[in-house]
């Protein structure tokens, strides 16, 4: 009898109709109904960590238990974001940085020297980001992406990082970063951020010169312009950025 009950339970658990119903139910629940894919579980918060494990364990045998587990994690993740453990749809300042001339230098210096320098740069820059209220979202070769509560925190962190970076040296290369700041409401998925606002910040950094910080007009509104030298970046027209966006180069007044 128990074998029959077990067999019937397994059939029900993997019934296509039951699984489809569970997936439809997930669409009505709070949070990301696609929770469980690599993007949504890429973060370090508990829902993402547990979600990755559950996805791996049930990948070959999708069924009702998988959908029920992911549904619970979906709601958990949504509640975590609303309670402040995730940024969700809140307004944040997005920052991108990269090192000017790094790629050309590595061709001569070699991989070992390049990795050593990147470690020294990270040790100089990340504490500055963290101490000014920022969160380093990811590293991309010689650059990084971080988010802050507002553009003032972001600018203070970048200026602090620049001072700390002055003590970092390598044979034949002096690290100098360029940066972009934009304020918006990017979508947070897992441990990463996506959307137009992220693209704008990245494009600002790409268009900056060595030691230059470019900010969008949105980010500039949160800054004390009287304490800064502000210069409008003319002909700032790049792919992936709204046509009416204005970019400004900013430096502190001495």
Foldseek 3Di string as FASTA:
>chain_A
DVVVVVVVVLCQFQPPVLLVVLLVVLVVAPADSPQLDCFQLVADDPLSVVSPVLCVVCVVPDGNVSSVSSSVSRNVVRVCCVVPVNVAQPKKKKKKKFWPPLVVVCVVVDDVQLVVLLVQLCVLQVVLQVVLAKDFLDADRRMTMIIHRALVSVVSSVVSSQVSLQPRDGVPDRTFMFMEIEIGGFGHRHSDTDDLRNVVRVLQRVPGDTNWYKYKPRRCVVDDCVQKDKDWDPPPDDPSHDPPITIITIDGDD
